[in-house]
Amino acid sequence: MNTAFFLIKPVSSLCNLACRYCFYHDLAEHRLTRDYGLMDSRTSDLLIERAFDLGVGALTFIFQGGEPTLAGLEYFEHFVEKCRACAESDSHHRPQINFSIQTNGVSLNAEWARFFKREGFLVGASVDGPRIIHDTYRTYRDGSGTWAQVMHGITVLREEGVPVNALCVVNNLTADNAGLVYHFLRRRGFDWIQFIPCLAPLAEEPAAPYEALNPEAYAHFLKEIFDLRYGEWLRGSGQSVRWFDNLVEMAAGLPPESCGMLGCCPMNFTVEADGSVYPCDFYAADEWCLGNIHELSFQVMQEGITAHDFVESSRLIDPVCKTCSAFFLCRGGCRRDREPFSDGKPRLNRYCPAFKEFFQYAGARIMRMAAALKETI
């Protein structure tokens, strides 16, 4: 099914936390307009109408921040009702509609939980592991930790039957405690985990030793986590680690669902609170603005020169990759990890050494998992 993805920033970069590694805070600081305020109903309505105008089979709306819950429950209720109204107004085109939200979890309560359950939201909660690790980086502005509030919010969601996935940022501290983090997340009931390598500021090299992630630490992390996940698989567990799932699917000849593993960037419309649109939330920077929904349709923006340059530059492959035995699984990796560009060309992925070490270590087992998957297709 042809799906269009929309990453929506209803409160722009506004957040009630001050996480030390926040990439969107860094992006916003380097824009001419740091914060676009709150998305009003006129903008959200137009966003939905233009999304429906694409005529695709499925629309996936993913709310991000900043912290999206700061928009208030009424904003989300209105958004869902507008989607429902658009679907009912055209009997010939009723796309499948999916809702998801990525939240820091500290504001969640029973009212939010009932809404997410009723409207079928998938919730991704930012959890970096046990308190001692989570509270090192995910703090309030006064430096106090958020772990207790996050875990309480997740408990409230689960009591209402809301599916909650873990979004875990990986830095050198996480990598040094890979097993501890993994066992904690599993014990806390997270069957689906997405590990997200900590990003350096755009177009810069990593600096701070623990806020960034170096290739050596990442290789260690991937190997230790894969050993644990492979053990689960041998025991027949249906649990998930997103990156490994994608690798197995690719090895089985299936397309990955993760955009960073496609080999080139798709168009993930990232919509700021004022209606400005970018090709990816990692690139919500002035130089990559595609336009504004108050002036242009998504179709026109998708066909514009900025979108074309963004996608085409992501297709450029380093000569080293062309002779690498792991390229069919790596495909160069996420464009963001190939910054900074030089003369308009991306460099070799910063985690290339980690990927090579990992694939040499785990490749045979990945192929075994892929063979088992193919038997079920």
Foldseek 3Di string as FASTA:
>chain_A
DDEAAEEEEQAAAAAQWDFPQDQSQLQLVQAPHSTPGGFDPVLLLLVLVLRVVVLDQEYEYEYEHSFRCVNDPVVVVSSLVSLVVVQVVDVVGRHHYAYEYEHCQLPAALVVLLVCVVSVYAYEHEDAADQVVQLVGTGGPVSGGRVVSNLVRVVSNVVSPHHYAYEHEDWLVCLVVLVRRVVRCVVSPHLEYEYHARADHFQDDDDDRTSHHALVSLLSNLQVVVVVVLVCVVVVDPGYYQLLVQLLCLLLVHHRPDQQFRLWHDANWYAYSQQWTFRDSSPPHPQRTLGGSVVDRPVVSCPDPSVVLRGVLSNDDDPVLVPDPCCSGRSQGGQRQQDDADPSHGHRRSNVVSSSSNCVVCVVVSNVSSVVVNVVD
